[in-house]
Amino acid sequence: MISSEKKEEKEEKRKKNNYVRKEFNYESFFRSFYLPEYVDENKIEASYKDGILHVAIAKKDGSRKKTTKTIAIK
């Protein structure tokens, strides 16, 4: 599951004109997905730079071997 929230508040006061202006901005992002069984959950890393989220997902060591299946012909 990946989620993000961003809250922003701006306030501008002017005593000369006797008013207060407030702006509120709220952004939310949520994504969830299933990972295959061969993923190593302890070796997942994420970084956020320049508005881009990078996620690195490592495979388990034993997952690189391909298993062969023998099918008997009758």
PDB file of N, CA and C in Angstrom:
ATOM      1  N   MET A   1       0.850  -1.167   0.000  1.00  0.00           N
ATOM      2  CA  MET A   1       0.000   0.000   0.000  1.00  0.00           C
ATOM      3  C   MET A   1       0.902   1.239   0.000  1.00  0.00           C
ATOM      4  N   ILE A   2       0.587   2.178  -0.859  1.00  0.00           N
ATOM      5  CA  ILE A   2       1.316   3.440  -0.936  1.00  0.00           C
ATOM      6  C   ILE A   2       0.297   4.562  -0.737  1.00  0.00           C
ATOM      7  N   SER A   3       0.617   5.490   0.172  1.00  0.00           N
ATOM      8  CA  SER A   3      -0.303   6.605   0.385  1.00  0.00           C
ATOM      9  C   SER A   3       0.494   7.875   0.685  1.00  0.00           C
ATOM     10  N   SER A   4      -0.138   9.002   0.392  1.00  0.00           N
ATOM     11  CA  SER A   4       0.502  10.296   0.605  1.00  0.00           C
ATOM     12  C   SER A   4      -0.566  11.337   0.907  1.00  0.00           C
ATOM     13  N   GLU A   5      -0.211  12.283   1.765  1.00  0.00           N
ATOM     14  CA  GLU A   5      -1.093  13.412   2.088  1.00  0.00           C
ATOM     15  C   GLU A   5      -0.274  14.693   2.085  1.00  0.00           C
ATOM     16  N   LYS A   6      -0.890  15.758   1.615  1.00  0.00           N
ATOM     17  CA  LYS A   6      -0.227  17.054   1.617  1.00  0.00           C
ATOM     18  C   LYS A   6      -1.250  18.110   2.015  1.00  0.00           C
ATOM     19  N   LYS A   7      -0.935  18.843   3.070  1.00  0.00           N
ATOM     20  CA  LYS A   7      -1.814  19.913   3.535  1.00  0.00           C
ATOM     21  C   LYS A   7      -1.038  21.224   3.459  1.00  0.00           C
ATOM     22  N   GLU A   8      -1.734  22.245   2.995  1.00  0.00           N
ATOM     23  CA  GLU A   8      -1.088  23.544   2.838  1.00  0.00           C
ATOM     24  C   GLU A   8      -2.069  24.636   3.252  1.00  0.00           C
ATOM     25  N   GLU A   9      -1.592  25.565   4.072  1.00  0.00           N
ATOM     26  CA  GLU A   9      -2.418  26.694   4.502  1.00  0.00           C
ATOM     27  C   GLU A   9      -1.634  27.988   4.281  1.00  0.00           C
ATOM     28  N   LYS A  10      -2.302  28.968   3.728  1.00  0.00           N
ATOM     29  CA  LYS A  10      -1.706  30.291   3.540  1.00  0.00           C
ATOM     30  C   LYS A  10      -2.633  31.326   4.156  1.00  0.00           C
ATOM     31  N   GLU A  11      -2.015  32.293   4.810  1.00  0.00           N
ATOM     32  CA  GLU A  11      -2.812  33.364   5.427  1.00  0.00           C
ATOM     33  C   GLU A  11      -2.146  34.709   5.131  1.00  0.00           C
ATOM     34  N   GLU A  12      -2.961  35.637   4.706  1.00  0.00           N
ATOM     35  CA  GLU A  12      -2.460  36.975   4.379  1.00  0.00           C
ATOM     36  C   GLU A  12      -3.297  37.992   5.148  1.00  0.00           C
ATOM     37  N   LYS A  13      -2.632  38.833   5.936  1.00  0.00           N
ATOM     38  CA  LYS A  13      -3.328  39.854   6.723  1.00  0.00           C
ATOM     39  C   LYS A  13      -2.851  41.232   6.279  1.00  0.00           C
ATOM     40  N   ARG A  14      -3.818  42.130   6.140  1.00  0.00           N
ATOM     41  CA  ARG A  14      -3.480  43.524   5.830  1.00  0.00           C
ATOM     42  C   ARG A  14      -4.235  44.422   6.807  1.00  0.00           C
ATOM     43  N   LYS A  15      -3.471  45.084   7.613  1.00  0.00           N
ATOM     44  CA  LYS A  15      -4.080  45.980   8.605  1.00  0.00           C
ATOM     45  C   LYS A  15      -4.620  47.249   7.955  1.00  0.00           C
ATOM     46  N   LYS A  16      -3.965  47.662   6.877  1.00  0.00           N
ATOM     47  CA  LYS A  16      -4.383  48.892   6.209  1.00  0.00           C
ATOM     48  C   LYS A  16      -5.807  48.756   5.663  1.00  0.00           C
ATOM     49  N   ASN A  17      -6.099  47.657   4.984  1.00  0.00           N
ATOM     50  CA  ASN A  17      -7.440  47.445   4.426  1.00  0.00           C
ATOM     51  C   ASN A  17      -8.349  46.663   5.369  1.00  0.00           C
ATOM     52  N   ASN A  18      -7.797  46.222   6.505  1.00  0.00           N
ATOM     53  CA  ASN A  18      -8.550  45.528   7.544  1.00  0.00           C
ATOM     54  C   ASN A  18      -9.227  44.250   7.010  1.00  0.00           C
ATOM     55  N   TYR A  19      -8.431  43.359   6.439  1.00  0.00           N
ATOM     56  CA  TYR A  19      -8.985  42.077   5.998  1.00  0.00           C
ATOM     57  C   TYR A  19      -7.954  40.962   6.177  1.00  0.00           C
ATOM     58  N   VAL A  20      -8.472  39.721   6.211  1.00  0.00           N
ATOM     59  CA  VAL A  20      -7.646  38.519   6.322  1.00  0.00           C
ATOM     60  C   VAL A  20      -8.066  37.568   5.217  1.00  0.00           C
ATOM     61  N   ARG A  21      -7.097  37.062   4.478  1.00  0.00           N
ATOM     62  CA  ARG A  21      -7.383  36.096   3.415  1.00  0.00           C
ATOM     63  C   ARG A  21      -6.690  34.782   3.761  1.00  0.00           C
ATOM     64  N   LYS A  22      -7.454  33.676   3.741  1.00  0.00           N
ATOM     65  CA  LYS A  22      -6.906  32.364   4.047  1.00  0.00           C
ATOM     66  C   LYS A  22      -7.173  31.422   2.879  1.00  0.00           C
ATOM     67  N   GLU A  23      -6.167  30.608   2.565  1.00  0.00           N
ATOM     68  CA  GLU A  23      -6.296  29.587   1.517  1.00  0.00           C
ATOM     69  C   GLU A  23      -5.927  28.240   2.120  1.00  0.00           C
ATOM     70  N   PHE A  24      -6.708  27.227   1.774  1.00  0.00           N
ATOM     71  CA  PHE A  24      -6.455  25.873   2.239  1.00  0.00           C
ATOM     72  C   PHE A  24      -6.358  24.956   1.032  1.00  0.00           C
ATOM     73  N   ASN A  25      -5.372  24.078   1.052  1.00  0.00           N
ATOM     74  CA  ASN A  25      -5.207  23.111  -0.022  1.00  0.00           C
ATOM     75  C   ASN A  25      -4.912  21.751   0.596  1.00  0.00           C
ATOM     76  N   TYR A  26      -5.600  20.711   0.124  1.00  0.00           N
ATOM     77  CA  TYR A  26      -5.402  19.362   0.643  1.00  0.00           C
ATOM     78  C   TYR A  26      -5.357  18.387  -0.528  1.00  0.00           C
ATOM     79  N   GLU A  27      -4.318  17.561  -0.566  1.00  0.00           N
ATOM     80  CA  GLU A  27      -4.183  16.554  -1.611  1.00  0.00           C
ATOM     81  C   GLU A  27      -3.962  15.200  -0.947  1.00  0.00           C
ATOM     82  N   SER A  28      -4.555  14.170  -1.531  1.00  0.00           N
ATOM     83  CA  SER A  28      -4.424  12.830  -0.989  1.00  0.00           C
ATOM     84  C   SER A  28      -4.253  11.834  -2.129  1.00  0.00           C
ATOM     85  N   PHE A  29      -3.400  10.841  -1.901  1.00  0.00           N
ATOM     86  CA  PHE A  29      -3.147   9.804  -2.900  1.00  0.00           C
ATOM     87  C   PHE A  29      -3.086   8.468  -2.180  1.00  0.00           C
ATOM     88  N   PHE A  30      -3.731   7.440  -2.743  1.00  0.00           N
ATOM     89  CA  PHE A  30      -3.740   6.111  -2.139  1.00  0.00           C
ATOM     90  C   PHE A  30      -3.741   5.066  -3.244  1.00  0.00           C
ATOM     91  N   ARG A  31      -2.843   4.116  -3.151  1.00  0.00           N
ATOM     92  CA  ARG A  31      -2.792   3.037  -4.137  1.00  0.00           C
ATOM     93  C   ARG A  31      -2.441   1.744  -3.404  1.00  0.00           C
ATOM     94  N   SER A  32      -3.124   0.681  -3.744  1.00  0.00           N
ATOM     95  CA  SER A  32      -2.828  -0.605  -3.142  1.00  0.00           C
ATOM     96  C   SER A  32      -2.791  -1.663  -4.235  1.00  0.00           C
ATOM     97  N   PHE A  33      -1.860  -2.591  -4.114  1.00  0.00           N
ATOM     98  CA  PHE A  33      -1.736  -3.650  -5.110  1.00  0.00           C
ATOM     99  C   PHE A  33      -1.102  -4.872  -4.462  1.00  0.00           C
ATOM    100  N   TYR A  34      -1.272  -6.015  -5.114  1.00  0.00           N
ATOM    101  CA  TYR A  34      -0.732  -7.276  -4.620  1.00  0.00           C
ATOM    102  C   TYR A  34       0.618  -7.548  -5.280  1.00  0.00           C
ATOM    103  N   LEU A  35       1.537  -8.102  -4.488  1.00  0.00           N
ATOM    104  CA  LEU A  35       2.847  -8.458  -4.992  1.00  0.00           C
ATOM    105  C   LEU A  35       2.933  -9.973  -5.156  1.00  0.00           C
ATOM    106  N   PRO A  36       3.724 -10.458  -6.103  1.00  0.00           N
ATOM    107  CA  PRO A  36       3.879 -11.904  -6.284  1.00  0.00           C
ATOM    108  C   PRO A  36       4.582 -12.546  -5.081  1.00  0.00           C
ATOM    109  N   GLU A  37       4.504 -13.870  -4.996  1.00  0.00           N
ATOM    110  CA  GLU A  37       5.086 -14.592  -3.869  1.00  0.00           C
ATOM    111  C   GLU A  37       6.606 -14.504  -3.834  1.00  0.00           C
ATOM    112  N   TYR A  38       7.249 -14.301  -4.975  1.00  0.00           N
ATOM    113  CA  TYR A  38       8.714 -14.304  -5.018  1.00  0.00           C
ATOM    114  C   TYR A  38       9.344 -12.972  -4.603  1.00  0.00           C
ATOM    115  N   VAL A  39       8.560 -12.030  -4.107  1.00  0.00           N
ATOM    116  CA  VAL A  39       9.086 -10.732  -3.671  1.00  0.00           C
ATOM    117  C   VAL A  39       9.574 -10.839  -2.221  1.00  0.00           C
ATOM    118  N   ASP A  40      10.751 -10.266  -1.956  1.00  0.00           N
ATOM    119  CA  ASP A  40      11.284 -10.215  -0.597  1.00  0.00           C
ATOM    120  C   ASP A  40      10.756  -8.955   0.083  1.00  0.00           C
ATOM    121  N   GLU A  41       9.842  -9.120   1.030  1.00  0.00           N
ATOM    122  CA  GLU A  41       9.183  -7.982   1.679  1.00  0.00           C
ATOM    123  C   GLU A  41      10.151  -7.107   2.468  1.00  0.00           C
ATOM    124  N   ASN A  42      11.267  -7.684   2.921  1.00  0.00           N
ATOM    125  CA  ASN A  42      12.230  -6.933   3.729  1.00  0.00           C
ATOM    126  C   ASN A  42      13.175  -6.076   2.886  1.00  0.00           C
ATOM    127  N   LYS A  43      13.136  -6.230   1.574  1.00  0.00           N
ATOM    128  CA  LYS A  43      14.051  -5.486   0.707  1.00  0.00           C
ATOM    129  C   LYS A  43      13.304  -4.561  -0.257  1.00  0.00           C
ATOM    130  N   ILE A  44      12.230  -3.968   0.206  1.00  0.00           N
ATOM    131  CA  ILE A  44      11.492  -2.996  -0.597  1.00  0.00           C
ATOM    132  C   ILE A  44      11.936  -1.602  -0.163  1.00  0.00           C
ATOM    133  N   GLU A  45      12.348  -0.784  -1.109  1.00  0.00           N
ATOM    134  CA  GLU A  45      12.812   0.572  -0.813  1.00  0.00           C
ATOM    135  C   GLU A  45      12.056   1.572  -1.675  1.00  0.00           C
ATOM    136  N   ALA A  46      11.859   2.771  -1.130  1.00  0.00           N
ATOM    137  CA  ALA A  46      11.164   3.821  -1.875  1.00  0.00           C
ATOM    138  C   ALA A  46      11.865   5.151  -1.640  1.00  0.00           C
ATOM    139  N   SER A  47      11.860   5.997  -2.669  1.00  0.00           N
ATOM    140  CA  SER A  47      12.406   7.347  -2.545  1.00  0.00           C
ATOM    141  C   SER A  47      11.536   8.298  -3.358  1.00  0.00           C
ATOM    142  N   TYR A  48      11.510   9.550  -2.940  1.00  0.00           N
ATOM    143  CA  TYR A  48      10.686  10.570  -3.584  1.00  0.00           C
ATOM    144  C   TYR A  48      11.585  11.735  -3.934  1.00  0.00           C
ATOM    145  N   LYS A  49      11.673  12.053  -5.235  1.00  0.00           N
ATOM    146  CA  LYS A  49      12.538  13.156  -5.667  1.00  0.00           C
ATOM    147  C   LYS A  49      11.920  13.840  -6.876  1.00  0.00           C
ATOM    148  N   ASP A  50      11.847  15.145  -6.843  1.00  0.00           N
ATOM    149  CA  ASP A  50      11.332  15.966  -7.940  1.00  0.00           C
ATOM    150  C   ASP A  50       9.921  15.545  -8.373  1.00  0.00           C
ATOM    151  N   GLY A  51       9.099  15.180  -7.411  1.00  0.00           N
ATOM    152  CA  GLY A  51       7.713  14.820  -7.713  1.00  0.00           C
ATOM    153  C   GLY A  51       7.522  13.417  -8.255  1.00  0.00           C
ATOM    154  N   ILE A  52       8.578  12.585  -8.222  1.00  0.00           N
ATOM    155  CA  ILE A  52       8.485  11.218  -8.742  1.00  0.00           C
ATOM    156  C   ILE A  52       8.789  10.240  -7.622  1.00  0.00           C
ATOM    157  N   LEU A  53       7.926   9.256  -7.448  1.00  0.00           N
ATOM    158  CA  LEU A  53       8.115   8.210  -6.457  1.00  0.00           C
ATOM    159  C   LEU A  53       8.768   7.009  -7.126  1.00  0.00           C
ATOM    160  N   HIS A  54       9.929   6.599  -6.613  1.00  0.00           N
ATOM    161  CA  HIS A  54      10.642   5.428  -7.124  1.00  0.00           C
ATOM    162  C   HIS A  54      10.520   4.308  -6.102  1.00  0.00           C
ATOM    163  N   VAL A  55      10.058   3.136  -6.535  1.00  0.00           N
ATOM    164  CA  VAL A  55       9.914   1.979  -5.658  1.00  0.00           C
ATOM    165  C   VAL A  55      10.753   0.852  -6.232  1.00  0.00           C
ATOM    166  N   ALA A  56      11.658   0.294  -5.414  1.00  0.00           N
ATOM    167  CA  ALA A  56      12.505  -0.831  -5.819  1.00  0.00           C
ATOM    168  C   ALA A  56      12.054  -2.057  -5.038  1.00  0.00           C
ATOM    169  N   ILE A  57      11.706  -3.111  -5.756  1.00  0.00           N
ATOM    170  CA  ILE A  57      11.207  -4.341  -5.149  1.00  0.00           C
ATOM    171  C   ILE A  57      12.160  -5.474  -5.518  1.00  0.00           C
ATOM    172  N   ALA A  58      12.765  -6.110  -4.502  1.00  0.00           N
ATOM    173  CA  ALA A  58      13.736  -7.171  -4.733  1.00  0.00           C
ATOM    174  C   ALA A  58      13.055  -8.536  -4.715  1.00  0.00           C
ATOM    175  N   LYS A  59      13.618  -9.449  -5.492  1.00  0.00           N
ATOM    176  CA  LYS A  59      13.135 -10.832  -5.502  1.00  0.00           C
ATOM    177  C   LYS A  59      13.857 -11.624  -4.415  1.00  0.00           C
ATOM    178  N   LYS A  60      13.218 -12.693  -3.944  1.00  0.00           N
ATOM    179  CA  LYS A  60      13.862 -13.601  -3.007  1.00  0.00           C
ATOM    180  C   LYS A  60      14.969 -14.350  -3.736  1.00  0.00           C
ATOM    181  N   ASP A  61      15.991 -14.776  -3.003  1.00  0.00           N
ATOM    182  CA  ASP A  61      17.139 -15.449  -3.608  1.00  0.00           C
ATOM    183  C   ASP A  61      16.756 -16.748  -4.303  1.00  0.00           C
ATOM    184  N   GLY A  62      15.906 -17.537  -3.733  1.00  0.00           N
ATOM    185  CA  GLY A  62      15.541 -18.824  -4.316  1.00  0.00           C
ATOM    186  C   GLY A  62      14.580 -18.717  -5.482  1.00  0.00           C
ATOM    187  N   SER A  63      14.083 -17.541  -5.772  1.00  0.00           N
ATOM    188  CA  SER A  63      13.065 -17.386  -6.817  1.00  0.00           C
ATOM    189  C   SER A  63      13.658 -17.374  -8.225  1.00  0.00           C
ATOM    190  N   ARG A  64      14.952 -17.273  -8.343  1.00  0.00           N
ATOM    191  CA  ARG A  64      15.563 -17.179  -9.669  1.00  0.00           C
ATOM    192  C   ARG A  64      15.646 -18.529 -10.365  1.00  0.00           C
ATOM    193  N   LYS A  65      15.501 -19.605  -9.606  1.00  0.00           N
ATOM    194  CA  LYS A  65      15.548 -20.938 -10.205  1.00  0.00           C
ATOM    195  C   LYS A  65      14.201 -21.252 -10.845  1.00  0.00           C
ATOM    196  N   LYS A  66      14.250 -21.710 -12.068  1.00  0.00           N
ATOM    197  CA  LYS A  66      13.023 -22.111 -12.736  1.00  0.00           C
ATOM    198  C   LYS A  66      12.764 -23.575 -12.414  1.00  0.00           C
ATOM    199  N   THR A  67      11.569 -23.864 -12.019  1.00  0.00           N
ATOM    200  CA  THR A  67      11.234 -25.248 -11.719  1.00  0.00           C
ATOM    201  C   THR A  67      10.658 -25.893 -12.971  1.00  0.00           C
ATOM    202  N   THR A  68      11.034 -27.107 -13.166  1.00  0.00           N
ATOM    203  CA  THR A  68      10.508 -27.840 -14.317  1.00  0.00           C
ATOM    204  C   THR A  68       9.455 -28.810 -13.830  1.00  0.00           C
ATOM    205  N   LYS A  69       8.480 -29.007 -14.637  1.00  0.00           N
ATOM    206  CA  LYS A  69       7.386 -29.891 -14.288  1.00  0.00           C
ATOM    207  C   LYS A  69       7.315 -30.995 -15.345  1.00  0.00           C
ATOM    208  N   THR A  70       7.280 -32.210 -14.870  1.00  0.00           N
ATOM    209  CA  THR A  70       7.197 -33.348 -15.777  1.00  0.00           C
ATOM    210  C   THR A  70       5.754 -33.795 -15.855  1.00  0.00           C
ATOM    211  N   ILE A  71       5.276 -33.948 -17.068  1.00  0.00           N
ATOM    212  CA  ILE A  71       3.903 -34.398 -17.287  1.00  0.00           C
ATOM    213  C   ILE A  71       3.961 -35.769 -17.963  1.00  0.00           C
ATOM    214  N   ALA A  72       3.345 -36.725 -17.308  1.00  0.00           N
ATOM    215  CA  ALA A  72       3.345 -38.085 -17.845  1.00  0.00           C
ATOM    216  C   ALA A  72       2.345 -38.170 -18.993  1.00  0.00           C
ATOM    217  N   ILE A  73       2.760 -38.827 -20.081  1.00  0.00           N
ATOM    218  CA  ILE A  73       1.893 -39.017 -21.252  1.00  0.00           C
ATOM    219  C   ILE A  73       1.353 -40.437 -21.204  1.00  0.00           C
ATOM    220  N   LYS A  74       0.064 -40.595 -21.292  1.00  0.00           N
ATOM    221  CA  LYS A  74      -0.564 -41.912 -21.210  1.00  0.00           C
ATOM    222  C   LYS A  74      -0.899 -42.443 -22.585  1.00  0.00           C
TER     223      LYS A  74
END
